Every structure is written in structure tokens, then in C-alpha cells.
Amino acid sequence: MQGAAILFSEMTPQPAWEAEFNDWYDSEHIPLRMAVEGFVSGQRYKSLKDDSYLAVYEMESLDVLKSEAYGRVKNQPSELTRRMLRDVSGFTRYLCEQTSEQRASHADDQAINGACLYPVFFNVPADREQAFDDWYSQDHIPLLLECRDWLTVRRFRIRDGEPGAWTHLALHYLRDPRALDSPERERARATPWRARLAAEPWFKAHYLLFERLGQRQLAHTA
């Protein structure tokens, strides 16, 4: 169900064919990838901020995307797939390797199936990476996880992607979006450690928020 790497991809269909887009994604796009060895699972999400959709594919490693089997899926699309990918907007695609996971004591191994996903992107200079990682893992995440609706936080190094020049991604899995308004999050954003980093010019995050859409699809080869 969970891999060491992910493919994070957003798309926005036109309202006139949104239902067809969703049917195509659930019945063709994800299942074809779940048949490729090395894919573990795929989960779809709908934005709570705009009309975009997100898919997060769990993989054993990013090497899966270099395989012949994946090449056939990607480079020999159906006519429907060609049309869908040609006509969507808001396309993003990030290839990421997991660097850590911190799970709340009140969460179980189904935490990544939380009702909401809160992705946070950063572009961290190489010489500030250690300071950033120390703050996030030792100060920020532990305070967030005190909230009963904050289930787990997975952190990733972005190896490739478009369109943003981001280097780090954190996926926060929430039981309820109200966690973002919790006293625990307020405390996590008000610590002296965070204030020191926030004063640096590179400390500008990109925040998204999604609700889980449908059930997680698992690899056919698992």
C-alpha cells in the first residue's frame, strides 16, 4: 500500500467532461499503472481549494518509471488518454523519494488513508537543508501530531518535477481538515525555532489541500 517513492500529479478537467475524466482515471489510467511491477498503490484526491484533482502513486522506487513495462504504458496511450491529457489544465508532475515518516501515537497503519491530504512544498537551499530538516522533524511535526486529527507526516526529497522548482515535499494526512485550525497547529507555527527560519528569504511554502476521492487502488502484481 505504501512505497519508498511517489509520483505526485495534478490535473484539472473542464466541467463539461469532468465525469468522463473521473471515469477514465478510475477505470483506465490508474489500473494500467497498477499492472506495472514496482507500482504499489494509487490514491486520488479532489482539491478543497479549486477544481483540480490529484493522484499520488506509491512505488517501490523511482526506477519503476525507467522500466520497459512503464514505458509501454506511458508511450502507447489510448485515444481517450491522448485526448484527456491534451485537454486538461493545471498539470503538475513531481517524482519524490521518501526521507522520513512520523506517525501520531493515536494513528494506525491505515493513516495514509486519512480523509484529507495536506501537501506542503518548499524550495530549500542546500546549505540550509540540515537546519530545515532538524526544525521540521524535531519541532514542527511533533507539535502537529499532538492534534487528534493529525495522523502522520511523510517527508520527501523531490528528484524531478514541473512546473515548480521545489526541493522538498511534506504530505500531511489528516482525519479532518479542521486540524488546520487547531490549537496544536497554531502552536507549531509560533515557535521561536520556526520564527528564526521564517525570517530567511527562502522560507516560502506552497500549500495545497485535498479530500480523498474513492478507494485506494492496489497493484495487480502485489
Protein backbone atom coordinates (compact mmCIF):
# COMPACT_ATOMS: atom_id res chain seq x y z
CA MET A 1 0.00 0.00 0.00
CA GLN A 2 2.91 2.36 0.75
CA GLY A 3 6.17 2.67 -1.17
CA ALA A 4 9.54 4.35 -0.82
CA ALA A 5 8.82 6.76 -3.68
CA ILE A 6 5.81 8.57 -5.10
CA LEU A 7 4.61 10.19 -8.28
CA PHE A 8 2.50 13.26 -7.39
CA SER A 9 0.40 14.56 -10.27
CA GLU A 10 -2.39 17.16 -10.52
CA MET A 11 -4.80 17.81 -13.41
CA THR A 12 -7.88 19.98 -13.89
CA PRO A 13 -10.57 18.86 -16.37
CA GLN A 14 -13.17 21.11 -17.93
CA PRO A 15 -16.54 20.93 -16.11
CA ALA A 16 -18.27 19.75 -19.30
CA TRP A 17 -16.37 16.46 -19.27
CA GLU A 18 -15.42 16.13 -15.60
CA ALA A 19 -17.49 12.96 -15.15
CA GLU A 20 -15.80 11.35 -18.16
CA PHE A 21 -12.42 12.40 -16.79
CA ASN A 22 -13.13 10.72 -13.45
CA ASP A 23 -14.34 7.53 -15.10
CA TRP A 24 -11.23 7.41 -17.32
CA TYR A 25 -8.91 7.98 -14.36
CA ASP A 26 -10.52 5.27 -12.22
CA SER A 27 -11.09 2.66 -14.92
CA GLU A 28 -8.10 3.14 -17.24
CA HIS A 29 -5.36 5.49 -16.11
CA ILE A 30 -4.66 4.11 -12.63
CA PRO A 31 -5.37 0.42 -13.39
CA LEU A 32 -2.81 0.40 -16.21
CA ARG A 33 -0.16 1.63 -13.82
CA MET A 34 -1.19 -0.79 -11.10
CA ALA A 35 -0.36 -3.61 -13.54
CA VAL A 36 3.27 -2.42 -13.82
CA GLU A 37 5.68 -4.20 -11.50
CA GLY A 38 7.04 -1.81 -8.90
CA PHE A 39 3.85 0.23 -8.51
CA VAL A 40 2.32 -0.36 -5.07
CA SER A 41 -0.90 1.66 -4.97
CA GLY A 42 -2.66 4.75 -6.27
CA GLN A 43 -4.97 7.16 -4.48
CA ARG A 44 -6.97 10.01 -5.97
CA TYR A 45 -7.95 13.29 -4.32
CA LYS A 46 -10.14 16.33 -5.08
CA SER A 47 -8.96 19.81 -4.17
CA LEU A 48 -10.79 21.69 -1.41
CA LYS A 49 -9.49 24.98 -2.83
CA ASP A 50 -10.18 24.78 -6.59
CA ASP A 51 -11.30 22.38 -9.36
CA SER A 52 -8.11 20.32 -9.57
CA TYR A 53 -7.63 16.61 -8.96
CA LEU A 54 -4.56 14.86 -7.57
CA ALA A 55 -3.24 11.33 -7.90
CA VAL A 56 -0.47 10.02 -5.64
CA TYR A 57 1.12 6.82 -6.90
CA GLU A 58 3.12 4.76 -4.41
CA MET A 59 6.13 2.97 -5.93
CA GLU A 60 8.92 0.74 -4.70
CA SER A 61 11.42 3.20 -6.18
CA LEU A 62 11.67 5.80 -8.92
CA ASP A 63 13.44 3.21 -11.07
CA VAL A 64 9.96 1.83 -11.85
CA LEU A 65 9.49 4.78 -14.20
CA LYS A 66 12.50 3.64 -16.24
CA SER A 67 11.14 0.13 -16.82
CA GLU A 68 10.02 -1.22 -20.19
CA ALA A 69 6.59 -2.01 -18.81
CA TYR A 70 6.01 1.56 -17.68
CA GLY A 71 7.43 2.87 -20.96
CA ARG A 72 4.78 0.92 -22.86
CA VAL A 73 2.01 2.33 -20.67
CA LYS A 74 3.27 5.91 -20.94
CA ASN A 75 4.29 5.92 -24.60
CA GLN A 76 1.45 3.89 -26.09
CA PRO A 77 -1.64 5.68 -24.75
CA SER A 78 -5.17 5.03 -25.94
CA GLU A 79 -7.02 7.66 -27.96
CA LEU A 80 -9.04 8.50 -24.85
CA THR A 81 -5.87 9.01 -22.82
CA ARG A 82 -4.38 11.23 -25.53
CA ARG A 83 -7.49 13.39 -25.52
CA MET A 84 -7.70 13.64 -21.75
CA LEU A 85 -4.04 14.57 -21.30
CA ARG A 86 -4.21 17.04 -24.18
CA ASP A 87 -7.22 18.91 -22.80
CA VAL A 88 -6.57 19.07 -19.06
CA SER A 89 -5.04 22.16 -17.45
CA GLY A 90 -3.11 22.79 -14.24
CA PHE A 91 -0.81 19.82 -14.87
CA THR A 92 1.89 19.05 -12.30
CA ARG A 93 4.18 16.05 -12.01
CA TYR A 94 6.70 15.52 -9.20
CA LEU A 95 8.91 12.48 -8.63
CA CYS A 96 9.81 12.10 -4.97
CA GLU A 97 11.77 9.78 -2.68
CA GLN A 98 10.65 9.40 0.92
CA THR A 99 13.15 10.52 3.53
CA SER A 100 11.10 10.03 6.72
CA GLU A 101 7.72 9.36 8.27
CA GLN A 102 6.49 10.41 11.70
CA ARG A 103 3.17 8.91 12.77
CA ALA A 104 0.99 10.04 15.67
CA SER A 105 0.68 7.66 18.59
CA HIS A 106 -3.11 7.72 18.07
CA ALA A 107 -2.83 6.64 14.39
CA ASP A 108 -2.59 3.12 12.95
CA ASP A 109 -1.03 1.70 9.79
CA GLN A 110 -4.01 2.97 7.77
CA ALA A 111 -3.00 6.57 8.42
CA ILE A 112 -2.24 7.27 4.75
CA ASN A 113 -5.92 6.63 4.02
CA GLY A 114 -6.89 9.69 6.03
CA ALA A 115 -9.84 11.71 4.75
CA CYS A 116 -7.67 14.71 3.81
CA LEU A 117 -4.22 15.28 2.39
CA TYR A 118 -2.33 18.50 3.08
CA PRO A 119 0.77 18.79 0.84
CA VAL A 120 3.39 21.42 1.66
CA PHE A 121 6.20 22.29 -0.77
CA PHE A 122 9.45 24.13 0.00
CA ASN A 123 12.46 25.17 -2.04
CA VAL A 124 15.32 24.81 0.43
CA PRO A 125 18.88 25.97 -0.34
CA ALA A 126 21.43 23.19 0.01
CA ASP A 127 23.29 24.98 2.80
CA ARG A 128 20.07 25.30 4.85
CA GLU A 129 18.77 21.78 4.33
CA GLN A 130 20.05 20.36 7.62
CA ALA A 131 18.64 23.26 9.62
CA PHE A 132 15.31 22.92 7.83
CA ASP A 133 15.15 19.15 8.39
CA ASP A 134 16.04 19.48 12.07
CA TRP A 135 13.30 22.06 12.67
CA TYR A 136 10.66 20.13 10.75
CA SER A 137 11.33 16.75 12.39
CA GLN A 138 12.20 17.85 15.93
CA ASP A 139 9.98 20.89 16.47
CA HIS A 140 7.24 21.25 13.87
CA ILE A 141 5.93 17.73 13.32
CA PRO A 142 5.82 16.62 16.99
CA LEU A 143 3.62 19.60 17.85
CA LEU A 144 1.30 18.96 14.89
CA LEU A 145 0.91 15.30 15.84
CA GLU A 146 -0.49 16.29 19.23
CA CYS A 147 -3.70 17.10 17.33
CA ARG A 148 -6.03 14.08 17.29
CA ASP A 149 -6.91 14.77 13.65
CA TRP A 150 -3.26 14.85 12.51
CA LEU A 151 -2.38 11.25 11.63
CA THR A 152 1.04 11.08 10.01
CA VAL A 153 3.59 13.18 8.14
CA ARG A 154 5.67 11.75 5.31
CA ARG A 155 8.59 13.81 4.02
CA PHE A 156 10.11 13.58 0.55
CA ARG A 157 13.04 14.87 -1.48
CA ILE A 158 11.83 15.95 -4.91
CA ARG A 159 14.13 14.49 -7.57
CA ASP A 160 12.39 15.88 -10.63
CA GLY A 161 9.20 17.71 -11.47
CA GLU A 162 7.27 20.50 -13.04
CA PRO A 163 6.23 23.27 -13.04
CA GLY A 164 7.51 24.49 -9.64
CA ALA A 165 11.18 24.46 -8.66
CA TRP A 166 10.53 22.73 -5.33
CA THR A 167 13.07 20.60 -3.47
CA HIS A 168 11.07 19.25 -0.51
CA LEU A 169 7.54 17.95 -0.06
CA ALA A 170 5.70 17.01 3.12
CA LEU A 171 2.46 15.05 2.91
CA HIS A 172 0.31 15.56 5.98
CA TYR A 173 -2.50 13.01 6.32
CA LEU A 174 -5.45 14.38 8.29
CA ARG A 175 -8.60 12.84 9.72
CA ASP A 176 -10.40 16.16 9.28
CA PRO A 177 -9.42 19.48 7.62
CA ARG A 178 -10.31 21.28 10.83
CA ALA A 179 -6.91 20.14 12.06
CA LEU A 180 -5.52 23.14 10.17
CA ASP A 181 -7.37 25.44 12.57
CA SER A 182 -6.39 23.52 15.69
CA PRO A 183 -4.54 24.98 18.70
CA GLU A 184 -1.79 22.42 18.07
CA ARG A 185 -1.09 23.80 14.60
CA GLU A 186 -1.19 27.34 15.94
CA ARG A 187 1.48 26.43 18.49
CA ALA A 188 3.58 24.65 15.85
CA ARG A 189 3.59 27.82 13.73
CA ALA A 190 4.51 30.09 16.64
CA THR A 191 7.71 28.56 18.00
CA PRO A 192 10.96 30.56 18.19
CA TRP A 193 12.68 27.92 16.03
CA ARG A 194 10.17 28.42 13.23
CA ALA A 195 10.37 32.19 13.56
CA ARG A 196 14.13 32.12 13.03
CA LEU A 197 13.78 30.12 9.82
CA ALA A 198 10.74 32.08 8.62
CA ALA A 199 12.86 35.25 8.69
CA GLU A 200 15.09 33.85 5.95
CA PRO A 201 14.15 34.88 2.38
CA TRP A 202 13.84 31.31 1.01
CA PHE A 203 11.25 30.27 3.62
CA LYS A 204 8.16 30.46 1.40
CA ALA A 205 5.92 27.40 1.27
CA HIS A 206 3.30 26.30 -1.25
CA TYR A 207 0.23 24.82 0.47
CA LEU A 208 -2.48 22.59 -1.03
CA LEU A 209 -5.48 20.79 0.49
CA PHE A 210 -7.35 17.77 -0.85
CA GLU A 211 -10.08 15.37 0.21
CA ARG A 212 -9.66 11.66 -0.50
CA LEU A 213 -11.64 10.52 -3.53
CA GLY A 214 -12.73 6.89 -3.74
CA GLN A 215 -10.79 3.87 -2.56
CA ARG A 216 -7.08 3.26 -2.89
CA GLN A 217 -6.26 1.05 -5.87
CA LEU A 218 -3.65 -1.62 -5.18
CA ALA A 219 -1.08 -3.14 -7.53
CA HIS A 220 -2.28 -6.13 -9.56
CA THR A 221 1.17 -7.70 -9.12
CA ALA A 222 1.22 -7.43 -5.31
